[in-house]
Amino acid sequence: MITLAVADLAASRRFYVDGLGWEPAFEVPGEVMFFRVAPTVVLSLWSRAGFEAEVGPLGDGGGIPPLTLAHNMPDADGVDRVMRDAVAAGAQLIRPARQREWGGYSGYFADPDGFRWEVAYNPGPLGVELMRAAGLV
């Protein structure tokens, strides 16, 4: 599981469910929401208050959270489509998708809490293996 503490779970729901069309696998309104993002990977969005009550206080040093999440696509057109959908759902465009020096194609957006998402097409062996495992190629 990957758990993100979010400031406003309702805003996160509007972004991920209403905007991006993701289906919650589990939800306790106002507290937590789970999305199955791969056969053995779940993204958990937990209200900040609930997260802090369980885990402890969050640092508030400003800047962006020190991590990125990635959503891999089987081609560059898919990257462009996901980037458009995210921006239409209210994401902040951080870096438009473009051809990368490592041979792939990717861009970045930020969700309502500022978490950075990379959307990428990786034509290398690892990228192909991930898409094959997901049944996308």
N, C-alpha and C. Protein backbone atom coordinates (compact mmCIF):
# COMPACT_ATOMS: atom_id res chain seq x y z
N MET A 1 0.84 -1.19 0.00
CA MET A 1 0.00 0.00 0.00
C MET A 1 0.87 1.24 0.00
N ILE A 2 0.41 2.23 -0.70
CA ILE A 2 1.02 3.56 -0.67
C ILE A 2 -0.04 4.45 -0.05
N THR A 3 0.28 5.11 1.05
CA THR A 3 -0.69 5.96 1.74
C THR A 3 -0.26 7.41 1.65
N LEU A 4 -1.19 8.25 1.24
CA LEU A 4 -0.96 9.69 1.19
C LEU A 4 -1.91 10.37 2.16
N ALA A 5 -1.39 11.25 3.01
CA ALA A 5 -2.21 12.05 3.90
C ALA A 5 -2.70 13.26 3.10
N VAL A 6 -4.02 13.43 3.01
CA VAL A 6 -4.59 14.51 2.20
C VAL A 6 -5.34 15.51 3.08
N ALA A 7 -5.27 16.76 2.69
CA ALA A 7 -5.88 17.84 3.47
C ALA A 7 -7.40 17.79 3.43
N ASP A 8 -7.97 17.43 2.29
CA ASP A 8 -9.42 17.46 2.11
C ASP A 8 -9.82 16.22 1.32
N LEU A 9 -10.29 15.18 2.01
CA LEU A 9 -10.62 13.92 1.35
C LEU A 9 -11.72 14.10 0.30
N ALA A 10 -12.67 14.99 0.55
CA ALA A 10 -13.74 15.24 -0.42
C ALA A 10 -13.16 15.82 -1.72
N ALA A 11 -12.20 16.74 -1.59
CA ALA A 11 -11.55 17.31 -2.78
C ALA A 11 -10.76 16.24 -3.52
N SER A 12 -10.08 15.38 -2.76
CA SER A 12 -9.34 14.28 -3.39
C SER A 12 -10.30 13.34 -4.09
N ARG A 13 -11.46 13.07 -3.50
CA ARG A 13 -12.46 12.21 -4.14
C ARG A 13 -12.94 12.83 -5.44
N ARG A 14 -13.23 14.13 -5.41
CA ARG A 14 -13.67 14.79 -6.64
C ARG A 14 -12.61 14.66 -7.73
N PHE A 15 -11.34 14.79 -7.36
CA PHE A 15 -10.26 14.71 -8.34
C PHE A 15 -10.12 13.28 -8.88
N TYR A 16 -9.91 12.31 -7.99
CA TYR A 16 -9.60 10.94 -8.43
C TYR A 16 -10.83 10.19 -8.95
N VAL A 17 -11.98 10.34 -8.30
CA VAL A 17 -13.17 9.58 -8.69
C VAL A 17 -13.96 10.33 -9.77
N ASP A 18 -14.39 11.54 -9.45
CA ASP A 18 -15.21 12.29 -10.41
C ASP A 18 -14.40 12.76 -11.60
N GLY A 19 -13.18 13.24 -11.36
CA GLY A 19 -12.37 13.79 -12.45
C GLY A 19 -11.65 12.74 -13.27
N LEU A 20 -10.95 11.79 -12.61
CA LEU A 20 -10.17 10.80 -13.34
C LEU A 20 -10.92 9.49 -13.58
N GLY A 21 -12.05 9.32 -12.91
CA GLY A 21 -12.86 8.12 -13.14
C GLY A 21 -12.39 6.87 -12.41
N TRP A 22 -11.54 7.04 -11.40
CA TRP A 22 -11.07 5.87 -10.65
C TRP A 22 -12.19 5.36 -9.75
N GLU A 23 -12.24 4.05 -9.55
CA GLU A 23 -13.26 3.43 -8.70
C GLU A 23 -12.66 3.06 -7.35
N PRO A 24 -13.20 3.56 -6.25
CA PRO A 24 -12.69 3.16 -4.95
C PRO A 24 -12.94 1.67 -4.71
N ALA A 25 -11.94 1.00 -4.16
CA ALA A 25 -12.10 -0.40 -3.77
C ALA A 25 -12.67 -0.47 -2.36
N PHE A 26 -12.49 0.60 -1.59
CA PHE A 26 -12.98 0.70 -0.22
C PHE A 26 -13.05 2.17 0.13
N GLU A 27 -14.06 2.54 0.92
CA GLU A 27 -14.18 3.95 1.28
C GLU A 27 -14.94 4.10 2.59
N VAL A 28 -14.41 4.94 3.46
CA VAL A 28 -15.11 5.41 4.66
C VAL A 28 -15.18 6.92 4.47
N PRO A 29 -16.36 7.46 4.08
CA PRO A 29 -16.46 8.88 3.79
C PRO A 29 -15.88 9.76 4.90
N GLY A 30 -15.07 10.72 4.46
CA GLY A 30 -14.44 11.65 5.39
C GLY A 30 -13.21 11.12 6.10
N GLU A 31 -12.90 9.81 5.91
CA GLU A 31 -11.76 9.22 6.61
C GLU A 31 -10.69 8.67 5.67
N VAL A 32 -11.07 7.72 4.81
CA VAL A 32 -10.08 7.03 3.99
C VAL A 32 -10.71 6.48 2.72
N MET A 33 -9.90 6.35 1.69
CA MET A 33 -10.35 5.80 0.43
C MET A 33 -9.21 4.99 -0.17
N PHE A 34 -9.51 3.77 -0.66
CA PHE A 34 -8.50 2.91 -1.27
C PHE A 34 -8.81 2.72 -2.74
N PHE A 35 -7.75 2.72 -3.55
CA PHE A 35 -7.86 2.42 -4.98
C PHE A 35 -6.88 1.29 -5.29
N ARG A 36 -7.35 0.24 -5.93
CA ARG A 36 -6.44 -0.80 -6.40
C ARG A 36 -5.83 -0.27 -7.69
N VAL A 37 -4.52 -0.05 -7.67
CA VAL A 37 -3.84 0.51 -8.84
C VAL A 37 -3.01 -0.53 -9.60
N ALA A 38 -2.89 -1.71 -9.04
CA ALA A 38 -2.22 -2.84 -9.67
C ALA A 38 -2.68 -4.08 -8.91
N PRO A 39 -2.42 -5.26 -9.43
CA PRO A 39 -2.92 -6.46 -8.75
C PRO A 39 -2.55 -6.53 -7.26
N THR A 40 -1.38 -6.06 -6.89
CA THR A 40 -0.98 -6.12 -5.48
C THR A 40 -0.60 -4.76 -4.91
N VAL A 41 -1.08 -3.69 -5.53
CA VAL A 41 -0.76 -2.34 -5.06
C VAL A 41 -2.05 -1.55 -4.85
N VAL A 42 -2.16 -0.94 -3.68
CA VAL A 42 -3.31 -0.11 -3.34
C VAL A 42 -2.81 1.28 -2.99
N LEU A 43 -3.48 2.30 -3.55
CA LEU A 43 -3.23 3.69 -3.17
C LEU A 43 -4.28 4.05 -2.14
N SER A 44 -3.83 4.47 -0.97
CA SER A 44 -4.71 4.86 0.12
C SER A 44 -4.64 6.37 0.29
N LEU A 45 -5.78 7.03 0.27
CA LEU A 45 -5.87 8.46 0.57
C LEU A 45 -6.53 8.57 1.93
N TRP A 46 -5.80 9.10 2.90
CA TRP A 46 -6.25 9.14 4.28
C TRP A 46 -6.36 10.60 4.69
N SER A 47 -7.43 10.95 5.37
CA SER A 47 -7.55 12.32 5.84
C SER A 47 -6.33 12.65 6.70
N ARG A 48 -5.85 13.87 6.56
CA ARG A 48 -4.65 14.28 7.30
C ARG A 48 -4.84 14.09 8.80
N ALA A 49 -6.02 14.44 9.30
CA ALA A 49 -6.29 14.31 10.74
C ALA A 49 -6.21 12.85 11.17
N GLY A 50 -6.81 11.96 10.40
CA GLY A 50 -6.76 10.53 10.72
C GLY A 50 -5.34 9.99 10.63
N PHE A 51 -4.62 10.42 9.61
CA PHE A 51 -3.23 10.00 9.43
C PHE A 51 -2.39 10.42 10.64
N GLU A 52 -2.50 11.69 11.02
CA GLU A 52 -1.71 12.20 12.15
C GLU A 52 -2.08 11.52 13.46
N ALA A 53 -3.37 11.20 13.65
CA ALA A 53 -3.80 10.53 14.87
C ALA A 53 -3.17 9.14 14.98
N GLU A 54 -2.98 8.49 13.86
CA GLU A 54 -2.42 7.14 13.84
C GLU A 54 -0.90 7.14 13.80
N VAL A 55 -0.32 7.98 12.94
CA VAL A 55 1.11 7.92 12.63
C VAL A 55 1.93 8.96 13.39
N GLY A 56 1.33 10.09 13.68
CA GLY A 56 2.04 11.18 14.33
C GLY A 56 2.00 12.43 13.47
N PRO A 57 2.45 13.56 14.01
CA PRO A 57 2.35 14.83 13.30
C PRO A 57 3.19 14.85 12.03
N LEU A 58 2.63 15.51 11.04
CA LEU A 58 3.33 15.69 9.76
C LEU A 58 4.22 16.92 9.85
N GLY A 59 5.37 16.84 9.24
CA GLY A 59 6.23 18.02 9.13
C GLY A 59 5.60 18.96 8.13
N ASP A 60 5.77 20.22 8.34
CA ASP A 60 5.20 21.20 7.41
C ASP A 60 6.30 22.15 6.97
N GLY A 61 7.32 21.60 6.32
CA GLY A 61 8.47 22.38 5.93
C GLY A 61 8.31 23.16 4.64
N GLY A 62 7.11 23.15 4.06
CA GLY A 62 6.91 23.84 2.79
C GLY A 62 7.48 23.03 1.64
N GLY A 63 7.38 23.54 0.47
CA GLY A 63 7.85 22.82 -0.70
C GLY A 63 6.91 21.69 -1.05
N ILE A 64 7.39 20.78 -1.88
CA ILE A 64 6.56 19.66 -2.30
C ILE A 64 6.93 18.41 -1.49
N PRO A 65 5.98 17.47 -1.37
CA PRO A 65 6.34 16.21 -0.69
C PRO A 65 7.52 15.55 -1.41
N PRO A 66 8.43 14.91 -0.68
CA PRO A 66 9.65 14.37 -1.29
C PRO A 66 9.45 13.01 -1.96
N LEU A 67 8.46 12.93 -2.83
CA LEU A 67 8.23 11.71 -3.58
C LEU A 67 7.42 12.04 -4.83
N THR A 68 7.48 11.15 -5.78
CA THR A 68 6.58 11.24 -6.93
C THR A 68 5.94 9.87 -7.10
N LEU A 69 4.77 9.89 -7.68
CA LEU A 69 4.06 8.67 -8.05
C LEU A 69 4.10 8.62 -9.57
N ALA A 70 4.08 7.44 -10.14
CA ALA A 70 4.14 7.33 -11.59
C ALA A 70 3.02 6.46 -12.12
N HIS A 71 2.50 6.87 -13.25
CA HIS A 71 1.46 6.12 -13.97
C HIS A 71 2.04 5.84 -15.36
N ASN A 72 2.31 4.58 -15.65
CA ASN A 72 2.93 4.23 -16.92
C ASN A 72 1.87 3.88 -17.95
N MET A 73 2.13 4.29 -19.17
CA MET A 73 1.22 4.04 -20.29
C MET A 73 1.97 3.30 -21.40
N PRO A 74 1.24 2.56 -22.25
CA PRO A 74 1.90 1.78 -23.30
C PRO A 74 2.35 2.59 -24.51
N ASP A 75 1.98 3.89 -24.56
CA ASP A 75 2.39 4.73 -25.69
C ASP A 75 2.28 6.22 -25.33
N ALA A 76 2.88 7.06 -26.16
CA ALA A 76 2.88 8.50 -25.91
C ALA A 76 1.48 9.10 -25.97
N ASP A 77 0.62 8.58 -26.85
CA ASP A 77 -0.75 9.09 -26.93
C ASP A 77 -1.49 8.88 -25.61
N GLY A 78 -1.23 7.74 -24.96
CA GLY A 78 -1.84 7.49 -23.65
C GLY A 78 -1.36 8.48 -22.61
N VAL A 79 -0.09 8.83 -22.66
CA VAL A 79 0.45 9.83 -21.74
C VAL A 79 -0.30 11.15 -21.94
N ASP A 80 -0.42 11.58 -23.19
CA ASP A 80 -1.12 12.84 -23.48
C ASP A 80 -2.56 12.80 -22.99
N ARG A 81 -3.23 11.65 -23.17
CA ARG A 81 -4.64 11.52 -22.75
C ARG A 81 -4.76 11.64 -21.23
N VAL A 82 -3.89 10.93 -20.49
CA VAL A 82 -3.95 11.00 -19.03
C VAL A 82 -3.63 12.41 -18.54
N MET A 83 -2.65 13.05 -19.15
CA MET A 83 -2.30 14.42 -18.75
C MET A 83 -3.50 15.35 -18.98
N ARG A 84 -4.17 15.23 -20.13
CA ARG A 84 -5.35 16.07 -20.42
C ARG A 84 -6.46 15.80 -19.40
N ASP A 85 -6.71 14.51 -19.11
CA ASP A 85 -7.76 14.15 -18.14
C ASP A 85 -7.45 14.72 -16.76
N ALA A 86 -6.19 14.64 -16.34
CA ALA A 86 -5.81 15.14 -15.02
C ALA A 86 -6.00 16.65 -14.93
N VAL A 87 -5.57 17.38 -15.95
CA VAL A 87 -5.72 18.84 -15.95
C VAL A 87 -7.21 19.20 -15.97
N ALA A 88 -8.00 18.48 -16.77
CA ALA A 88 -9.44 18.74 -16.81
C ALA A 88 -10.10 18.47 -15.46
N ALA A 89 -9.53 17.53 -14.69
CA ALA A 89 -10.07 17.20 -13.37
C ALA A 89 -9.61 18.17 -12.30
N GLY A 90 -8.72 19.10 -12.65
CA GLY A 90 -8.27 20.10 -11.70
C GLY A 90 -6.81 20.02 -11.30
N ALA A 91 -6.05 19.11 -11.92
CA ALA A 91 -4.63 19.01 -11.61
C ALA A 91 -3.89 20.26 -12.08
N GLN A 92 -2.80 20.55 -11.41
CA GLN A 92 -1.91 21.62 -11.85
C GLN A 92 -0.87 20.99 -12.77
N LEU A 93 -0.74 21.51 -13.97
CA LEU A 93 0.28 21.02 -14.89
C LEU A 93 1.64 21.51 -14.40
N ILE A 94 2.55 20.57 -14.13
CA ILE A 94 3.88 20.91 -13.64
C ILE A 94 4.88 20.95 -14.80
N ARG A 95 4.90 19.90 -15.60
CA ARG A 95 5.77 19.82 -16.78
C ARG A 95 4.98 19.13 -17.89
N PRO A 96 4.76 19.82 -19.01
CA PRO A 96 4.05 19.17 -20.11
C PRO A 96 4.81 17.92 -20.57
N ALA A 97 4.07 16.95 -21.07
CA ALA A 97 4.70 15.73 -21.58
C ALA A 97 5.58 16.08 -22.78
N ARG A 98 6.75 15.43 -22.82
CA ARG A 98 7.68 15.65 -23.93
C ARG A 98 8.60 14.44 -24.06
N GLN A 99 9.28 14.37 -25.19
CA GLN A 99 10.27 13.33 -25.43
C GLN A 99 11.42 13.53 -24.45
N ARG A 100 11.88 12.44 -23.83
CA ARG A 100 12.94 12.53 -22.83
C ARG A 100 14.25 11.95 -23.36
N GLU A 101 15.35 12.42 -22.80
CA GLU A 101 16.68 11.98 -23.22
C GLU A 101 16.90 10.49 -22.99
N TRP A 102 16.14 9.88 -22.08
CA TRP A 102 16.29 8.45 -21.80
C TRP A 102 15.49 7.58 -22.77
N GLY A 103 14.84 8.23 -23.76
CA GLY A 103 14.14 7.49 -24.81
C GLY A 103 12.65 7.39 -24.63
N GLY A 104 12.15 7.81 -23.49
CA GLY A 104 10.71 7.74 -23.24
C GLY A 104 10.03 9.08 -23.46
N TYR A 105 8.82 9.17 -22.96
CA TYR A 105 7.97 10.35 -23.12
C TYR A 105 7.22 10.51 -21.81
N SER A 106 7.32 11.69 -21.17
CA SER A 106 6.64 11.85 -19.89
C SER A 106 6.38 13.31 -19.56
N GLY A 107 5.48 13.50 -18.59
CA GLY A 107 5.16 14.82 -18.06
C GLY A 107 4.73 14.67 -16.61
N TYR A 108 4.51 15.80 -15.93
CA TYR A 108 4.15 15.79 -14.52
C TYR A 108 2.94 16.69 -14.26
N PHE A 109 2.08 16.23 -13.34
CA PHE A 109 1.02 17.07 -12.81
C PHE A 109 0.99 16.92 -11.30
N ALA A 110 0.31 17.87 -10.63
CA ALA A 110 0.13 17.81 -9.18
C ALA A 110 -1.35 17.64 -8.87
N ASP A 111 -1.65 16.72 -7.93
CA ASP A 111 -3.04 16.52 -7.52
C ASP A 111 -3.43 17.64 -6.55
N PRO A 112 -4.67 17.63 -6.00
CA PRO A 112 -5.11 18.73 -5.14
C PRO A 112 -4.24 18.97 -3.90
N ASP A 113 -3.49 17.95 -3.46
CA ASP A 113 -2.61 18.13 -2.30
C ASP A 113 -1.17 18.41 -2.68
N GLY A 114 -0.92 18.56 -3.98
CA GLY A 114 0.43 18.86 -4.43
C GLY A 114 1.30 17.65 -4.70
N PHE A 115 0.75 16.42 -4.52
CA PHE A 115 1.54 15.23 -4.83
C PHE A 115 1.81 15.19 -6.32
N ARG A 116 3.06 15.00 -6.66
CA ARG A 116 3.47 14.98 -8.07
C ARG A 116 3.28 13.60 -8.66
N TRP A 117 2.61 13.58 -9.81
CA TRP A 117 2.41 12.36 -10.59
C TRP A 117 3.18 12.51 -11.89
N GLU A 118 4.00 11.52 -12.19
CA GLU A 118 4.62 11.44 -13.51
C GLU A 118 3.75 10.50 -14.34
N VAL A 119 3.46 10.90 -15.56
CA VAL A 119 2.77 10.02 -16.51
C VAL A 119 3.80 9.74 -17.59
N ALA A 120 4.11 8.46 -17.80
CA ALA A 120 5.24 8.12 -18.65
C ALA A 120 4.97 6.96 -19.59
N TYR A 121 5.60 7.03 -20.74
CA TYR A 121 5.73 5.91 -21.66
C TYR A 121 7.22 5.56 -21.65
N ASN A 122 7.52 4.33 -21.26
CA ASN A 122 8.91 3.87 -21.21
C ASN A 122 9.07 2.73 -22.20
N PRO A 123 9.70 2.98 -23.35
CA PRO A 123 9.85 1.94 -24.37
C PRO A 123 10.96 0.94 -24.07
N GLY A 124 11.68 1.13 -22.96
CA GLY A 124 12.77 0.22 -22.61
C GLY A 124 12.24 -1.11 -22.06
N PRO A 125 13.15 -2.04 -21.81
CA PRO A 125 12.74 -3.38 -21.35
C PRO A 125 11.87 -3.36 -20.09
N LEU A 126 12.19 -2.54 -19.08
CA LEU A 126 11.39 -2.50 -17.87
C LEU A 126 9.98 -1.98 -18.17
N GLY A 127 9.88 -0.92 -18.96
CA GLY A 127 8.59 -0.37 -19.31
C GLY A 127 7.71 -1.37 -20.05
N VAL A 128 8.32 -2.09 -21.00
CA VAL A 128 7.59 -3.10 -21.76
C VAL A 128 7.15 -4.22 -20.81
N GLU A 129 8.03 -4.64 -19.90
CA GLU A 129 7.69 -5.69 -18.94
C GLU A 129 6.52 -5.27 -18.05
N LEU A 130 6.52 -4.02 -17.57
CA LEU A 130 5.42 -3.54 -16.73
C LEU A 130 4.11 -3.52 -17.51
N MET A 131 4.13 -3.05 -18.74
CA MET A 131 2.90 -2.99 -19.55
C MET A 131 2.40 -4.40 -19.85
N ARG A 132 3.31 -5.31 -20.13
CA ARG A 132 2.93 -6.70 -20.38
C ARG A 132 2.29 -7.31 -19.14
N ALA A 133 2.89 -7.07 -17.97
CA ALA A 133 2.35 -7.61 -16.71
C ALA A 133 0.95 -7.05 -16.43
N ALA A 134 0.70 -5.82 -16.87
CA ALA A 134 -0.60 -5.20 -16.69
C ALA A 134 -1.59 -5.59 -17.79
N GLY A 135 -1.12 -6.36 -18.76
CA GLY A 135 -1.99 -6.78 -19.86
C GLY A 135 -2.26 -5.69 -20.87
N LEU A 136 -1.39 -4.69 -20.94
CA LEU A 136 -1.61 -3.56 -21.84
C LEU A 136 -0.86 -3.67 -23.16
N VAL A 137 0.04 -4.64 -23.29
CA VAL A 137 0.72 -4.88 -24.58
C VAL A 137 0.80 -6.37 -24.82
